[in-house]
Amino acid sequence: MILYAVIMETIDAEKDAEVLDVHKAYLAKYIEEGKIFAKGPFTDHSGGLMIYNTASEEEARELVENDPVIKEKSRKYTIKEWRSTIEI
C-alpha cells in the first residue's frame, strides 16, 4: 500500500497557535473520509507528522496545501511517498 508521509515543521509558533483549532477541524473531515491514516505532533513541539491515504501524491499535496497551517505560513512541509508493510 502506498501512502504519503507529510512532515510539517513549525516556522512561526505564535501564528501556529492561532490557527491550531482551524487546522484540527480541517483534518477531522479527512480523517472521517479515511484520507488520513495517522497524525500527531512531535513531542519536541517542532511540528507534526501526517500519513495520507490518498489515490495520488497530487491529491495528498492538494490537501496539505489547503491546510490552514500551510496557507497561513505557520508551518512548512515535506511530502514523501511511503510504502506501509502493515496490511490495513
N, C-alpha and C. Protein backbone atom coordinates (compact mmCIF):
# COMPACT_ATOMS: atom_id res chain seq x y z
N MET A 1 0.84 -1.18 0.00
CA MET A 1 0.00 0.00 0.00
C MET A 1 0.89 1.24 0.00
N ILE A 2 0.64 2.15 -0.92
CA ILE A 2 1.37 3.41 -1.00
C ILE A 2 0.60 4.47 -0.23
N LEU A 3 1.30 5.13 0.69
CA LEU A 3 0.75 6.23 1.46
C LEU A 3 1.67 7.43 1.28
N TYR A 4 1.31 8.56 1.85
CA TYR A 4 2.12 9.76 1.71
C TYR A 4 2.38 10.34 3.09
N ALA A 5 3.65 10.32 3.48
CA ALA A 5 4.06 10.85 4.79
C ALA A 5 4.37 12.33 4.62
N VAL A 6 3.80 13.12 5.50
CA VAL A 6 4.00 14.57 5.45
C VAL A 6 4.57 15.02 6.79
N ILE A 7 5.75 15.59 6.73
CA ILE A 7 6.36 16.18 7.92
C ILE A 7 6.11 17.68 7.84
N MET A 8 5.44 18.20 8.86
CA MET A 8 5.17 19.64 8.94
C MET A 8 6.05 20.23 10.03
N GLU A 9 6.85 21.19 9.64
CA GLU A 9 7.77 21.86 10.58
C GLU A 9 7.22 23.24 10.92
N THR A 10 7.09 23.51 12.21
CA THR A 10 6.61 24.81 12.65
C THR A 10 7.68 25.86 12.38
N ILE A 11 7.27 26.96 11.71
CA ILE A 11 8.20 28.04 11.43
C ILE A 11 7.77 29.35 12.08
N ASP A 12 6.52 29.41 12.57
CA ASP A 12 6.01 30.58 13.29
C ASP A 12 5.09 30.07 14.39
N ALA A 13 5.65 29.85 15.57
CA ALA A 13 4.91 29.22 16.67
C ALA A 13 3.71 30.05 17.11
N GLU A 14 3.85 31.36 17.12
CA GLU A 14 2.74 32.22 17.54
C GLU A 14 1.56 32.10 16.58
N LYS A 15 1.84 32.22 15.29
CA LYS A 15 0.77 32.10 14.29
C LYS A 15 0.21 30.69 14.29
N ASP A 16 1.07 29.69 14.50
CA ASP A 16 0.63 28.31 14.52
C ASP A 16 -0.40 28.09 15.63
N ALA A 17 -0.15 28.64 16.80
CA ALA A 17 -1.08 28.52 17.92
C ALA A 17 -2.43 29.16 17.58
N GLU A 18 -2.40 30.24 16.82
CA GLU A 18 -3.64 30.93 16.44
C GLU A 18 -4.51 30.10 15.50
N VAL A 19 -3.89 29.31 14.64
CA VAL A 19 -4.66 28.54 13.64
C VAL A 19 -4.81 27.06 14.01
N LEU A 20 -4.34 26.67 15.18
CA LEU A 20 -4.35 25.26 15.56
C LEU A 20 -5.74 24.64 15.55
N ASP A 21 -6.73 25.32 16.10
CA ASP A 21 -8.09 24.76 16.14
C ASP A 21 -8.68 24.62 14.74
N VAL A 22 -8.41 25.58 13.88
CA VAL A 22 -8.90 25.51 12.49
C VAL A 22 -8.19 24.36 11.75
N HIS A 23 -6.91 24.20 12.01
CA HIS A 23 -6.13 23.10 11.43
C HIS A 23 -6.73 21.75 11.85
N LYS A 24 -7.02 21.58 13.13
CA LYS A 24 -7.60 20.32 13.62
C LYS A 24 -8.96 20.07 13.00
N ALA A 25 -9.77 21.10 12.89
CA ALA A 25 -11.10 20.95 12.27
C ALA A 25 -10.97 20.56 10.80
N TYR A 26 -10.01 21.16 10.11
CA TYR A 26 -9.77 20.84 8.70
C TYR A 26 -9.40 19.36 8.55
N LEU A 27 -8.52 18.87 9.41
CA LEU A 27 -8.08 17.48 9.33
C LEU A 27 -9.19 16.50 9.67
N ALA A 28 -10.10 16.89 10.57
CA ALA A 28 -11.17 15.98 11.02
C ALA A 28 -12.00 15.46 9.85
N LYS A 29 -12.26 16.32 8.88
CA LYS A 29 -13.05 15.90 7.71
C LYS A 29 -12.34 14.76 6.96
N TYR A 30 -11.03 14.89 6.78
CA TYR A 30 -10.28 13.90 6.01
C TYR A 30 -10.00 12.64 6.82
N ILE A 31 -9.97 12.76 8.14
CA ILE A 31 -9.89 11.57 8.98
C ILE A 31 -11.17 10.77 8.81
N GLU A 32 -12.30 11.45 8.87
CA GLU A 32 -13.60 10.80 8.71
C GLU A 32 -13.73 10.13 7.35
N GLU A 33 -13.18 10.76 6.32
CA GLU A 33 -13.24 10.20 4.95
C GLU A 33 -12.22 9.08 4.73
N GLY A 34 -11.33 8.85 5.70
CA GLY A 34 -10.31 7.82 5.56
C GLY A 34 -9.10 8.25 4.77
N LYS A 35 -8.97 9.55 4.50
CA LYS A 35 -7.83 10.04 3.72
C LYS A 35 -6.61 10.34 4.59
N ILE A 36 -6.79 10.35 5.89
CA ILE A 36 -5.66 10.49 6.81
C ILE A 36 -5.60 9.21 7.64
N PHE A 37 -4.48 8.51 7.51
CA PHE A 37 -4.26 7.23 8.16
C PHE A 37 -3.78 7.42 9.60
N ALA A 38 -2.94 8.43 9.81
CA ALA A 38 -2.40 8.71 11.14
C ALA A 38 -1.95 10.16 11.17
N LYS A 39 -1.92 10.74 12.39
CA LYS A 39 -1.43 12.11 12.54
C LYS A 39 -1.04 12.33 13.98
N GLY A 40 -0.21 13.34 14.20
CA GLY A 40 0.14 13.70 15.56
C GLY A 40 1.33 14.63 15.61
N PRO A 41 1.46 15.33 16.75
CA PRO A 41 2.57 16.27 16.92
C PRO A 41 3.84 15.56 17.37
N PHE A 42 4.96 16.19 17.08
CA PHE A 42 6.24 15.72 17.62
C PHE A 42 6.32 16.18 19.08
N THR A 43 6.90 15.37 19.92
CA THR A 43 6.94 15.69 21.35
C THR A 43 7.85 16.87 21.67
N ASP A 44 8.71 17.25 20.73
CA ASP A 44 9.57 18.42 20.96
C ASP A 44 8.92 19.72 20.48
N HIS A 45 7.65 19.65 20.07
CA HIS A 45 6.86 20.82 19.63
C HIS A 45 7.40 21.49 18.37
N SER A 46 8.12 20.73 17.56
CA SER A 46 8.70 21.30 16.34
C SER A 46 7.78 21.17 15.13
N GLY A 47 6.63 20.51 15.30
CA GLY A 47 5.71 20.30 14.20
C GLY A 47 4.99 18.99 14.37
N GLY A 48 4.71 18.32 13.26
CA GLY A 48 3.99 17.06 13.34
C GLY A 48 4.13 16.22 12.09
N LEU A 49 3.54 15.04 12.15
CA LEU A 49 3.58 14.07 11.06
C LEU A 49 2.15 13.65 10.73
N MET A 50 1.86 13.54 9.45
CA MET A 50 0.59 13.01 9.00
C MET A 50 0.86 11.99 7.91
N ILE A 51 0.08 10.93 7.92
CA ILE A 51 0.17 9.91 6.88
C ILE A 51 -1.15 9.96 6.11
N TYR A 52 -1.06 10.33 4.84
CA TYR A 52 -2.24 10.44 3.98
C TYR A 52 -2.46 9.15 3.19
N ASN A 53 -3.70 8.73 3.10
CA ASN A 53 -4.11 7.57 2.33
C ASN A 53 -4.97 8.08 1.17
N THR A 54 -4.30 8.58 0.15
CA THR A 54 -4.98 9.17 -1.00
C THR A 54 -4.63 8.41 -2.27
N ALA A 55 -5.36 8.69 -3.32
CA ALA A 55 -5.17 7.99 -4.60
C ALA A 55 -3.86 8.38 -5.28
N SER A 56 -3.33 9.56 -4.94
CA SER A 56 -2.11 10.02 -5.61
C SER A 56 -1.38 11.03 -4.73
N GLU A 57 -0.12 11.25 -5.07
CA GLU A 57 0.64 12.28 -4.38
C GLU A 57 0.03 13.66 -4.63
N GLU A 58 -0.48 13.86 -5.82
CA GLU A 58 -1.10 15.15 -6.15
C GLU A 58 -2.29 15.43 -5.24
N GLU A 59 -3.10 14.41 -4.97
CA GLU A 59 -4.24 14.60 -4.07
C GLU A 59 -3.77 14.91 -2.66
N ALA A 60 -2.77 14.18 -2.19
CA ALA A 60 -2.22 14.44 -0.85
C ALA A 60 -1.67 15.86 -0.78
N ARG A 61 -0.91 16.25 -1.79
CA ARG A 61 -0.32 17.60 -1.82
C ARG A 61 -1.40 18.68 -1.81
N GLU A 62 -2.48 18.46 -2.54
CA GLU A 62 -3.58 19.43 -2.57
C GLU A 62 -4.19 19.59 -1.17
N LEU A 63 -4.40 18.46 -0.48
CA LEU A 63 -4.95 18.52 0.88
C LEU A 63 -4.00 19.27 1.82
N VAL A 64 -2.71 18.98 1.70
CA VAL A 64 -1.71 19.65 2.55
C VAL A 64 -1.67 21.14 2.25
N GLU A 65 -1.65 21.51 0.99
CA GLU A 65 -1.52 22.92 0.63
C GLU A 65 -2.76 23.74 0.99
N ASN A 66 -3.90 23.07 1.22
CA ASN A 66 -5.10 23.77 1.66
C ASN A 66 -5.27 23.74 3.18
N ASP A 67 -4.36 23.11 3.87
CA ASP A 67 -4.39 23.07 5.33
C ASP A 67 -4.12 24.49 5.84
N PRO A 68 -4.90 24.96 6.81
CA PRO A 68 -4.72 26.32 7.32
C PRO A 68 -3.30 26.64 7.81
N VAL A 69 -2.59 25.68 8.38
CA VAL A 69 -1.23 25.98 8.86
C VAL A 69 -0.26 26.23 7.71
N ILE A 70 -0.54 25.66 6.55
CA ILE A 70 0.29 25.92 5.36
C ILE A 70 -0.15 27.22 4.71
N LYS A 71 -1.44 27.41 4.57
CA LYS A 71 -1.94 28.64 3.95
C LYS A 71 -1.55 29.88 4.76
N GLU A 72 -1.51 29.75 6.08
CA GLU A 72 -1.14 30.88 6.94
C GLU A 72 0.37 30.98 7.16
N LYS A 73 1.11 30.04 6.56
CA LYS A 73 2.58 30.03 6.61
C LYS A 73 3.13 29.92 8.04
N SER A 74 2.42 29.17 8.88
CA SER A 74 2.96 28.90 10.21
C SER A 74 3.78 27.62 10.22
N ARG A 75 3.64 26.83 9.16
CA ARG A 75 4.44 25.61 9.00
C ARG A 75 4.85 25.46 7.54
N LYS A 76 5.92 24.72 7.35
CA LYS A 76 6.31 24.28 6.01
C LYS A 76 6.27 22.77 6.02
N TYR A 77 6.26 22.17 4.83
CA TYR A 77 6.11 20.72 4.79
C TYR A 77 7.04 20.05 3.79
N THR A 78 7.24 18.76 4.05
CA THR A 78 7.93 17.85 3.14
C THR A 78 7.02 16.66 2.97
N ILE A 79 6.85 16.21 1.73
CA ILE A 79 6.00 15.05 1.47
C ILE A 79 6.85 13.95 0.85
N LYS A 80 6.63 12.72 1.32
CA LYS A 80 7.37 11.57 0.81
C LYS A 80 6.39 10.43 0.55
N GLU A 81 6.55 9.77 -0.58
CA GLU A 81 5.80 8.55 -0.83
C GLU A 81 6.34 7.48 0.12
N TRP A 82 5.43 6.75 0.75
CA TRP A 82 5.83 5.78 1.75
C TRP A 82 5.05 4.50 1.56
N ARG A 83 5.73 3.39 1.68
CA ARG A 83 5.08 2.09 1.50
C ARG A 83 4.92 1.43 2.87
N SER A 84 3.68 1.23 3.28
CA SER A 84 3.41 0.54 4.54
C SER A 84 3.58 -0.96 4.34
N THR A 85 4.21 -1.59 5.29
CA THR A 85 4.33 -3.05 5.25
C THR A 85 3.32 -3.71 6.17
N ILE A 86 2.43 -2.91 6.74
CA ILE A 86 1.34 -3.40 7.57
C ILE A 86 0.07 -3.38 6.73
N GLU A 87 -0.61 -4.47 6.64
CA GLU A 87 -1.85 -4.52 5.88
C GLU A 87 -2.98 -3.92 6.70
N ILE A 88 -3.73 -3.00 6.08
CA ILE A 88 -4.89 -2.40 6.77
C ILE A 88 -6.16 -2.65 5.98
